[in-house]
């Protein structure tokens, strides 16, 4: 690996670590009996399945994967729905709101230039 690839690899690993840590925090907040390995496995599968272009933002496909994984782990369906909904709210709605704030904080003169 060259020096030019190290920063992107580092920041990608950091972003994924934050993603999984946030998912673990959500599991703790909902009082789910999930280990960090369980969270990483569930979130990895949901991200993989949400890439299938059959729904908007993975709604439905992500929920089905979480329901299946929670059933295998031995957790209830309501817990799966709550976890999946919070994942959607935190990741998609939250990042969308942060993006909107960043977009509208750019001066309009720069937006017209495409920056």
C-alpha atoms as a PDB file:
ATOM      1  CA  UNK A   1       0.000   0.000   0.000  1.00  0.00           C
ATOM      2  CA  UNK A   2       1.285   3.378  -0.938  1.00  0.00           C
ATOM      3  CA  UNK A   3       1.182   6.437   1.240  1.00  0.00           C
ATOM      4  CA  UNK A   4      -1.674   7.820  -0.810  1.00  0.00           C
ATOM      5  CA  UNK A   5      -3.979   4.970   0.253  1.00  0.00           C
ATOM      6  CA  UNK A   6      -3.320   5.148   3.985  1.00  0.00           C
ATOM      7  CA  UNK A   7      -5.457   8.231   4.761  1.00  0.00           C
ATOM      8  CA  UNK A   8      -8.543   6.931   2.903  1.00  0.00           C
ATOM      9  CA  UNK A   9      -8.186   3.517   4.548  1.00  0.00           C
ATOM     10  CA  UNK A  10      -7.823   5.138   7.963  1.00  0.00           C
ATOM     11  CA  UNK A  11     -10.844   7.411   7.529  1.00  0.00           C
ATOM     12  CA  UNK A  12     -12.958   4.581   6.110  1.00  0.00           C
ATOM     13  CA  UNK A  13     -12.103   2.388   9.102  1.00  0.00           C
ATOM     14  CA  UNK A  14     -12.868   5.311  11.424  1.00  0.00           C
ATOM     15  CA  UNK A  15     -16.243   5.943   9.755  1.00  0.00           C
ATOM     16  CA  UNK A  16     -17.201   2.271  10.012  1.00  0.00           C
ATOM     17  CA  UNK A  17     -16.115   2.185  13.653  1.00  0.00           C
ATOM     18  CA  UNK A  18     -18.312   5.197  14.412  1.00  0.00           C
ATOM     19  CA  UNK A  19     -21.192   3.573  12.503  1.00  0.00           C
ATOM     20  CA  UNK A  20     -20.958   0.352  14.532  1.00  0.00           C
ATOM     21  CA  UNK A  21     -20.402   2.184  17.818  1.00  0.00           C
ATOM     22  CA  UNK A  22     -23.507   4.294  17.211  1.00  0.00           C
ATOM     23  CA  UNK A  23     -25.471   1.117  16.504  1.00  0.00           C
ATOM     24  CA  UNK A  24     -24.209  -0.388  19.740  1.00  0.00           C
ATOM     25  CA  UNK A  25     -25.229   2.776  21.615  1.00  0.00           C
ATOM     26  CA  UNK A  26     -28.707   2.513  20.082  1.00  0.00           C
ATOM     27  CA  UNK A  27     -28.919  -1.117  21.220  1.00  0.00           C
ATOM     28  CA  UNK A  28     -27.932  -0.082  24.743  1.00  0.00           C
ATOM     29  CA  UNK A  29     -30.454   2.785  24.704  1.00  0.00           C
ATOM     30  CA  UNK A  30     -33.257   0.377  23.798  1.00  0.00           C
ATOM     31  CA  UNK A  31     -31.927  -2.061  26.440  1.00  0.00           C
ATOM     32  CA  UNK A  32     -31.247  -4.855  23.984  1.00  0.00           C
ATOM     33  CA  UNK A  33     -29.094  -7.786  24.990  1.00  0.00           C
ATOM     34  CA  UNK A  34     -26.746  -7.466  22.003  1.00  0.00           C
ATOM     35  CA  UNK A  35     -23.005  -7.900  22.093  1.00  0.00           C
ATOM     36  CA  UNK A  36     -20.806  -5.649  19.966  1.00  0.00           C
ATOM     37  CA  UNK A  37     -20.224  -8.616  17.638  1.00  0.00           C
ATOM     38  CA  UNK A  38     -23.998  -9.057  17.254  1.00  0.00           C
ATOM     39  CA  UNK A  39     -24.392  -5.367  16.393  1.00  0.00           C
ATOM     40  CA  UNK A  40     -21.604  -5.494  13.816  1.00  0.00           C
ATOM     41  CA  UNK A  41     -23.089  -8.627  12.240  1.00  0.00           C
ATOM     42  CA  UNK A  42     -26.646  -7.249  12.108  1.00  0.00           C
ATOM     43  CA  UNK A  43     -25.598  -3.843  10.794  1.00  0.00           C
ATOM     44  CA  UNK A  44     -23.266  -5.355   8.205  1.00  0.00           C
ATOM     45  CA  UNK A  45     -26.042  -7.578   6.872  1.00  0.00           C
ATOM     46  CA  UNK A  46     -28.553  -4.718   6.858  1.00  0.00           C
ATOM     47  CA  UNK A  47     -26.157  -2.494   4.921  1.00  0.00           C
ATOM     48  CA  UNK A  48     -25.462  -5.242   2.434  1.00  0.00           C
ATOM     49  CA  UNK A  49     -29.150  -5.988   1.856  1.00  0.00           C
ATOM     50  CA  UNK A  50     -30.094  -2.305   1.723  1.00  0.00           C
ATOM     51  CA  UNK A  51     -27.952  -2.034  -1.415  1.00  0.00           C
ATOM     52  CA  UNK A  52     -30.513  -4.131  -3.296  1.00  0.00           C
ATOM     53  CA  UNK A  53     -32.520  -1.589  -5.290  1.00  0.00           C
ATOM     54  CA  UNK A  54     -36.013  -2.685  -4.289  1.00  0.00           C
ATOM     55  CA  UNK A  55     -36.899   0.046  -1.799  1.00  0.00           C
ATOM     56  CA  UNK A  56     -36.136   3.628  -0.871  1.00  0.00           C
ATOM     57  CA  UNK A  57     -33.300   3.975   1.678  1.00  0.00           C
ATOM     58  CA  UNK A  58     -33.504   0.250   2.434  1.00  0.00           C
ATOM     59  CA  UNK A  59     -36.817   0.589   4.254  1.00  0.00           C
ATOM     60  CA  UNK A  60     -38.407  -2.823   4.428  1.00  0.00           C
ATOM     61  CA  UNK A  61     -35.348  -4.784   3.383  1.00  0.00           C
ATOM     62  CA  UNK A  62     -33.382  -3.517   6.376  1.00  0.00           C
ATOM     63  CA  UNK A  63     -36.329  -4.240   8.645  1.00  0.00           C
ATOM     64  CA  UNK A  64     -36.660  -7.794   7.324  1.00  0.00           C
ATOM     65  CA  UNK A  65     -32.967  -8.486   7.929  1.00  0.00           C
ATOM     66  CA  UNK A  66     -33.126  -7.075  11.449  1.00  0.00           C
ATOM     67  CA  UNK A  67     -36.253  -9.146  12.184  1.00  0.00           C
ATOM     68  CA  UNK A  68     -34.541 -12.290  10.911  1.00  0.00           C
ATOM     69  CA  UNK A  69     -31.298 -11.634  12.797  1.00  0.00           C
ATOM     70  CA  UNK A  70     -33.121 -10.832  16.021  1.00  0.00           C
ATOM     71  CA  UNK A  71     -35.159 -14.038  15.692  1.00  0.00           C
ATOM     72  CA  UNK A  72     -31.924 -16.019  15.310  1.00  0.00           C
ATOM     73  CA  UNK A  73     -30.402 -14.234  18.318  1.00  0.00           C
ATOM     74  CA  UNK A  74     -33.591 -14.781  20.337  1.00  0.00           C
ATOM     75  CA  UNK A  75     -34.883 -11.226  20.595  1.00  0.00           C
ATOM     76  CA  UNK A  76     -38.465 -10.114  20.002  1.00  0.00           C
ATOM     77  CA  UNK A  77     -39.990  -8.657  16.849  1.00  0.00           C
ATOM     78  CA  UNK A  78     -40.977  -5.362  18.563  1.00  0.00           C
ATOM     79  CA  UNK A  79     -37.350  -4.948  19.663  1.00  0.00           C
ATOM     80  CA  UNK A  80     -36.237  -5.520  16.071  1.00  0.00           C
ATOM     81  CA  UNK A  81     -38.664  -2.924  14.730  1.00  0.00           C
ATOM     82  CA  UNK A  82     -37.598  -0.397  17.375  1.00  0.00           C
ATOM     83  CA  UNK A  83     -33.907  -0.982  16.637  1.00  0.00           C
ATOM     84  CA  UNK A  84     -34.434  -0.751  12.880  1.00  0.00           C
ATOM     85  CA  UNK A  85     -36.498   2.447  13.178  1.00  0.00           C
ATOM     86  CA  UNK A  86     -33.886   4.080  15.393  1.00  0.00           C
ATOM     87  CA  UNK A  87     -31.122   3.057  13.005  1.00  0.00           C
ATOM     88  CA  UNK A  88     -33.055   4.726  10.183  1.00  0.00           C
ATOM     89  CA  UNK A  89     -33.727   7.877  12.199  1.00  0.00           C
ATOM     90  CA  UNK A  90     -30.178   8.270  13.492  1.00  0.00           C
ATOM     91  CA  UNK A  91     -28.324   7.376  10.298  1.00  0.00           C
ATOM     92  CA  UNK A  92     -30.522   8.579   7.474  1.00  0.00           C
ATOM     93  CA  UNK A  93     -32.630  11.367   8.944  1.00  0.00           C
ATOM     94  CA  UNK A  94     -29.830  12.598  11.208  1.00  0.00           C
ATOM     95  CA  UNK A  95     -27.229  12.720   8.467  1.00  0.00           C
ATOM     96  CA  UNK A  96     -29.744  14.329   6.113  1.00  0.00           C
ATOM     97  CA  UNK A  97     -30.411  17.081   8.622  1.00  0.00           C
ATOM     98  CA  UNK A  98     -26.684  17.646   9.153  1.00  0.00           C
ATOM     99  CA  UNK A  99     -26.220  17.815   5.377  1.00  0.00           C
ATOM    100  CA  UNK A 100     -29.051  20.349   5.089  1.00  0.00           C
ATOM    101  CA  UNK A 101     -27.490  22.535   7.780  1.00  0.00           C
ATOM    102  CA  UNK A 102     -24.127  22.347   6.025  1.00  0.00           C
ATOM    103  CA  UNK A 103     -25.705  23.133   2.656  1.00  0.00           C
ATOM    104  CA  UNK A 104     -27.656  26.129   3.868  1.00  0.00           C
ATOM    105  CA  UNK A 105     -24.716  27.481   5.844  1.00  0.00           C
ATOM    106  CA  UNK A 106     -22.779  27.929   2.579  1.00  0.00           C
ATOM    107  CA  UNK A 107     -23.217  31.486   1.276  1.00  0.00           C
ATOM    108  CA  UNK A 108     -25.608  31.627  -1.678  1.00  0.00           C
ATOM    109  CA  UNK A 109     -22.926  33.192  -3.887  1.00  0.00           C
ATOM    110  CA  UNK A 110     -20.818  30.043  -3.516  1.00  0.00           C
ATOM    111  CA  UNK A 111     -23.823  27.777  -4.141  1.00  0.00           C
ATOM    112  CA  UNK A 112     -24.478  29.534  -7.456  1.00  0.00           C
ATOM    113  CA  UNK A 113     -20.879  28.778  -8.469  1.00  0.00           C
ATOM    114  CA  UNK A 114     -21.438  25.102  -7.723  1.00  0.00           C
ATOM    115  CA  UNK A 115     -19.120  24.957  -4.724  1.00  0.00           C
END
